[in-house]
PDB file of N, CA and C in Angstrom:
ATOM      1  N   ALA A   1      96.619  40.547 132.142  1.00  0.00           N
ATOM      2  CA  ALA A   1      95.847  40.196 131.990  1.00  0.00           C
ATOM      3  C   ALA A   1      95.484  38.565 132.485  1.00  0.00           C
ATOM      4  N   GLU A   2      94.261  38.199 132.489  1.00  0.00           N
ATOM      5  CA  GLU A   2      93.806  36.591 132.849  1.00  0.00           C
ATOM      6  C   GLU A   2      92.959  36.332 132.434  1.00  0.00           C
ATOM      7  N   ARG A   3      92.636  35.140 132.270  1.00  0.00           N
ATOM      8  CA  ARG A   3      91.445  34.666 131.940  1.00  0.00           C
ATOM      9  C   ARG A   3      90.788  33.687 132.686  1.00  0.00           C
ATOM     10  N   THR A   4      89.308  33.774 132.777  1.00  0.00           N
ATOM     11  CA  THR A   4      88.235  33.276 133.761  1.00  0.00           C
ATOM     12  C   THR A   4      88.266  31.807 133.140  1.00  0.00           C
ATOM     13  N   GLU A   5      87.199  30.874 134.000  1.00  0.00           N
ATOM     14  CA  GLU A   5      86.483  29.856 133.742  1.00  0.00           C
ATOM     15  C   GLU A   5      86.147  29.827 132.238  1.00  0.00           C
ATOM     16  N   THR A   6      85.531  30.763 131.591  1.00  0.00           N
ATOM     17  CA  THR A   6      85.203  30.686 130.527  1.00  0.00           C
ATOM     18  C   THR A   6      85.765  31.100 129.259  1.00  0.00           C
ATOM     19  N   GLY A   7      86.922  31.737 129.819  1.00  0.00           N
ATOM     20  CA  GLY A   7      87.925  32.122 129.066  1.00  0.00           C
ATOM     21  C   GLY A   7      88.079  33.314 128.402  1.00  0.00           C
ATOM     22  N   ALA A   8      87.205  34.058 129.178  1.00  0.00           N
ATOM     23  CA  ALA A   8      86.876  35.598 129.114  1.00  0.00           C
ATOM     24  C   ALA A   8      88.531  36.417 129.494  1.00  0.00           C
ATOM     25  N   ILE A   9      88.606  37.272 129.025  1.00  0.00           N
ATOM     26  CA  ILE A   9      90.124  38.083 129.507  1.00  0.00           C
ATOM     27  C   ILE A   9      89.812  39.195 130.570  1.00  0.00           C
ATOM     28  N   VAL A  10      90.272  39.121 131.787  1.00  0.00           N
ATOM     29  CA  VAL A  10      90.338  40.544 132.640  1.00  0.00           C
ATOM     30  C   VAL A  10      91.459  40.796 132.537  1.00  0.00           C
ATOM     31  N   THR A  11      91.440  42.448 132.650  1.00  0.00           N
ATOM     32  CA  THR A  11      92.506  43.188 132.733  1.00  0.00           C
ATOM     33  C   THR A  11      92.321  44.363 134.116  1.00  0.00           C
ATOM     34  N   SER A  12      93.328  45.047 134.018  1.00  0.00           N
ATOM     35  CA  SER A  12      93.314  46.184 135.165  1.00  0.00           C
ATOM     36  C   SER A  12      94.065  47.159 134.632  1.00  0.00           C
ATOM     37  N   VAL A  13      93.644  48.405 135.109  1.00  0.00           N
ATOM     38  CA  VAL A  13      94.257  49.344 134.459  1.00  0.00           C
ATOM     39  C   VAL A  13      94.342  50.827 135.564  1.00  0.00           C
ATOM     40  N   ARG A  14      94.972  51.206 135.167  1.00  0.00           N
ATOM     41  CA  ARG A  14      95.241  52.252 136.799  1.00  0.00           C
ATOM     42  C   ARG A  14      96.193  53.464 136.076  1.00  0.00           C
ATOM     43  N   THR A  15      95.449  54.495 136.333  1.00  0.00           N
ATOM     44  CA  THR A  15      96.001  55.774 135.654  1.00  0.00           C
ATOM     45  C   THR A  15      97.035  56.682 136.963  1.00  0.00           C
ATOM     46  N   ILE A  16      98.413  56.953 136.292  1.00  0.00           N
ATOM     47  CA  ILE A  16      98.769  57.527 137.260  1.00  0.00           C
ATOM     48  C   ILE A  16      99.393  59.167 136.239  1.00  0.00           C
ATOM     49  N   HIS A  17     100.270  59.647 137.407  1.00  0.00           N
ATOM     50  CA  HIS A  17     100.232  61.019 136.977  1.00  0.00           C
ATOM     51  C   HIS A  17     101.411  61.473 137.674  1.00  0.00           C
ATOM     52  N   ALA A  18     102.541  61.464 136.913  1.00  0.00           N
ATOM     53  CA  ALA A  18     103.808  61.050 137.077  1.00  0.00           C
ATOM     54  C   ALA A  18     104.209  62.557 136.659  1.00  0.00           C
ATOM     55  N   PRO A  19     105.307  62.982 137.005  1.00  0.00           N
ATOM     56  CA  PRO A  19     105.887  64.348 136.462  1.00  0.00           C
ATOM     57  C   PRO A  19     106.790  64.482 136.163  1.00  0.00           C
ATOM     58  N   GLY A  20     107.509  65.132 135.065  1.00  0.00           N
ATOM     59  CA  GLY A  20     108.957  65.516 134.389  1.00  0.00           C
ATOM     60  C   GLY A  20     108.628  64.870 132.782  1.00  0.00           C
ATOM     61  N   GLY A  21     109.593  65.043 132.493  1.00  0.00           N
ATOM     62  CA  GLY A  21     110.061  64.339 130.706  1.00  0.00           C
ATOM     63  C   GLY A  21     109.630  62.890 130.605  1.00  0.00           C
ATOM     64  N   ARG A  22     109.948  62.571 129.217  1.00  0.00           N
ATOM     65  CA  ARG A  22     109.137  61.308 128.614  1.00  0.00           C
ATOM     66  C   ARG A  22     109.859  60.290 129.078  1.00  0.00           C
ATOM     67  N   ARG A  23     111.096  60.581 129.726  1.00  0.00           N
ATOM     68  CA  ARG A  23     112.142  58.999 130.500  1.00  0.00           C
ATOM     69  C   ARG A  23     111.120  59.111 131.715  1.00  0.00           C
ATOM     70  N   ALA A  24     110.900  59.955 132.882  1.00  0.00           N
ATOM     71  CA  ALA A  24     110.672  59.925 133.794  1.00  0.00           C
ATOM     72  C   ALA A  24     109.315  59.459 133.782  1.00  0.00           C
ATOM     73  N   VAL A  25     108.563  59.675 133.037  1.00  0.00           N
ATOM     74  CA  VAL A  25     107.178  59.467 132.997  1.00  0.00           C
ATOM     75  C   VAL A  25     107.062  57.744 132.807  1.00  0.00           C
ATOM     76  N   ARG A  26     107.827  57.229 131.890  1.00  0.00           N
ATOM     77  CA  ARG A  26     108.022  56.125 131.030  1.00  0.00           C
ATOM     78  C   ARG A  26     108.546  55.240 132.384  1.00  0.00           C
ATOM     79  N   LEU A  27     109.869  55.509 133.306  1.00  0.00           N
ATOM     80  CA  LEU A  27     110.113  55.118 134.119  1.00  0.00           C
ATOM     81  C   LEU A  27     109.270  55.001 135.765  1.00  0.00           C
ATOM     82  N   ALA A  28     108.576  55.985 135.795  1.00  0.00           N
ATOM     83  CA  ALA A  28     107.553  55.684 136.316  1.00  0.00           C
ATOM     84  C   ALA A  28     105.932  54.864 136.660  1.00  0.00           C
ATOM     85  N   ALA A  29     106.044  54.784 134.758  1.00  0.00           N
ATOM     86  CA  ALA A  29     104.812  53.473 134.503  1.00  0.00           C
ATOM     87  C   ALA A  29     105.487  52.437 135.153  1.00  0.00           C
ATOM     88  N   ALA A  30     106.815  51.932 134.355  1.00  0.00           N
ATOM     89  CA  ALA A  30     107.355  50.846 134.295  1.00  0.00           C
ATOM     90  C   ALA A  30     107.417  50.331 136.033  1.00  0.00           C
ATOM     91  N   ILE A  31     107.846  51.558 136.600  1.00  0.00           N
ATOM     92  CA  ILE A  31     107.819  51.040 138.095  1.00  0.00           C
ATOM     93  C   ILE A  31     106.561  50.891 138.909  1.00  0.00           C
ATOM     94  N   THR A  32     105.144  51.436 138.634  1.00  0.00           N
ATOM     95  CA  THR A  32     103.808  51.283 138.941  1.00  0.00           C
ATOM     96  C   THR A  32     103.389  49.572 138.341  1.00  0.00           C
ATOM     97  N   ALA A  33     103.986  49.204 137.128  1.00  0.00           N
ATOM     98  CA  ALA A  33     103.493  47.983 136.613  1.00  0.00           C
ATOM     99  C   ALA A  33     104.470  47.238 137.517  1.00  0.00           C
ATOM    100  N   LEU A  34     105.468  47.295 137.780  1.00  0.00           N
ATOM    101  CA  LEU A  34     106.192  45.996 138.355  1.00  0.00           C
ATOM    102  C   LEU A  34     105.538  46.068 139.962  1.00  0.00           C
ATOM    103  N   GLN A  35     105.357  47.004 140.329  1.00  0.00           N
ATOM    104  CA  GLN A  35     104.467  46.925 141.955  1.00  0.00           C
ATOM    105  C   GLN A  35     103.449  46.327 142.077  1.00  0.00           C
ATOM    106  N   GLY A  36     102.874  46.380 140.888  1.00  0.00           N
ATOM    107  CA  GLY A  36     101.480  45.924 140.927  1.00  0.00           C
ATOM    108  C   GLY A  36     101.429  44.614 140.568  1.00  0.00           C
ATOM    109  N   LEU A  37     102.551  43.765 139.517  1.00  0.00           N
ATOM    110  CA  LEU A  37     102.671  42.566 139.563  1.00  0.00           C
ATOM    111  C   LEU A  37     103.325  42.099 141.012  1.00  0.00           C
ATOM    112  N   ILE A  38     103.833  42.503 141.316  1.00  0.00           N
ATOM    113  CA  ILE A  38     104.346  41.941 142.905  1.00  0.00           C
ATOM    114  C   ILE A  38     102.897  42.115 143.877  1.00  0.00           C
ATOM    115  N   ALA A  39     101.925  42.791 143.805  1.00  0.00           N
ATOM    116  CA  ALA A  39     100.998  43.011 144.748  1.00  0.00           C
ATOM    117  C   ALA A  39     100.004  41.715 144.034  1.00  0.00           C
ATOM    118  N   LEU A  40     100.223  41.720 142.986  1.00  0.00           N
ATOM    119  CA  LEU A  40      99.207  40.449 142.505  1.00  0.00           C
ATOM    120  C   LEU A  40      99.812  39.326 142.682  1.00  0.00           C
ATOM    121  N   ILE A  41     101.097  39.244 142.877  1.00  0.00           N
ATOM    122  CA  ILE A  41     101.548  37.662 142.974  1.00  0.00           C
ATOM    123  C   ILE A  41     101.478  37.197 144.446  1.00  0.00           C
ATOM    124  N   ASP A  42     101.246  38.518 145.562  1.00  0.00           N
ATOM    125  CA  ASP A  42     101.285  38.005 146.800  1.00  0.00           C
ATOM    126  C   ASP A  42      99.850  38.115 147.072  1.00  0.00           C
ATOM    127  N   GLY A  43      98.609  38.170 146.117  1.00  0.00           N
ATOM    128  CA  GLY A  43      97.356  38.005 146.135  1.00  0.00           C
ATOM    129  C   GLY A  43      96.595  39.025 146.838  1.00  0.00           C
ATOM    130  N   ALA A  44      97.984  40.457 146.809  1.00  0.00           N
ATOM    131  CA  ALA A  44      96.874  41.483 146.898  1.00  0.00           C
ATOM    132  C   ALA A  44      96.425  42.350 145.636  1.00  0.00           C
ATOM    133  N   ASP A  45      95.298  43.129 145.874  1.00  0.00           N
ATOM    134  CA  ASP A  45      94.542  44.203 144.893  1.00  0.00           C
ATOM    135  C   ASP A  45      95.455  44.997 144.659  1.00  0.00           C
ATOM    136  N   PRO A  46      96.329  45.226 143.247  1.00  0.00           N
ATOM    137  CA  PRO A  46      96.894  45.972 142.469  1.00  0.00           C
ATOM    138  C   PRO A  46      96.513  47.588 142.545  1.00  0.00           C
ATOM    139  N   MET A  47      95.018  47.485 142.419  1.00  0.00           N
ATOM    140  CA  MET A  47      94.448  48.497 142.153  1.00  0.00           C
ATOM    141  C   MET A  47      94.232  49.625 143.589  1.00  0.00           C
ATOM    142  N   ARG A  48      94.233  48.712 144.574  1.00  0.00           N
ATOM    143  CA  ARG A  48      94.568  49.607 145.857  1.00  0.00           C
ATOM    144  C   ARG A  48      95.928  49.660 146.696  1.00  0.00           C
ATOM    145  N   MET A  49      96.777  49.447 146.155  1.00  0.00           N
ATOM    146  CA  MET A  49      97.814  49.568 146.322  1.00  0.00           C
ATOM    147  C   MET A  49      98.295  51.065 146.437  1.00  0.00           C
ATOM    148  N   PRO A  50      99.011  51.738 147.229  1.00  0.00           N
ATOM    149  CA  PRO A  50      99.567  53.285 147.299  1.00  0.00           C
ATOM    150  C   PRO A  50     100.893  53.400 146.336  1.00  0.00           C
ATOM    151  N   SER A  51     100.653  54.314 145.709  1.00  0.00           N
ATOM    152  CA  SER A  51     101.414  54.658 144.688  1.00  0.00           C
ATOM    153  C   SER A  51     101.907  56.502 145.098  1.00  0.00           C
ATOM    154  N   GLU A  52     103.307  56.251 144.817  1.00  0.00           N
ATOM    155  CA  GLU A  52     103.657  57.371 144.798  1.00  0.00           C
ATOM    156  C   GLU A  52     103.383  58.805 143.718  1.00  0.00           C
ATOM    157  N   TYR A  53     102.471  58.178 142.979  1.00  0.00           N
ATOM    158  CA  TYR A  53     102.244  58.976 141.855  1.00  0.00           C
ATOM    159  C   TYR A  53     100.960  58.995 141.231  1.00  0.00           C
ATOM    160  N   ASP A  54     100.098  58.954 142.578  1.00  0.00           N
ATOM    161  CA  ASP A  54      98.603  58.769 142.159  1.00  0.00           C
ATOM    162  C   ASP A  54      98.291  60.117 142.653  1.00  0.00           C
TER     163      ASP A  54
END
């Protein structure tokens, strides 16, 4: 999440569909979140980043 100049909080949400059990799904979620953070740091839009779980 980040804040705008007015103090409003901006968040991003992405839905993934990962196969497997709980552990595999949690790992896929963590990987996707980290890839999104890296994309955001690089100035890209994390919502447009490709993912194997889309």
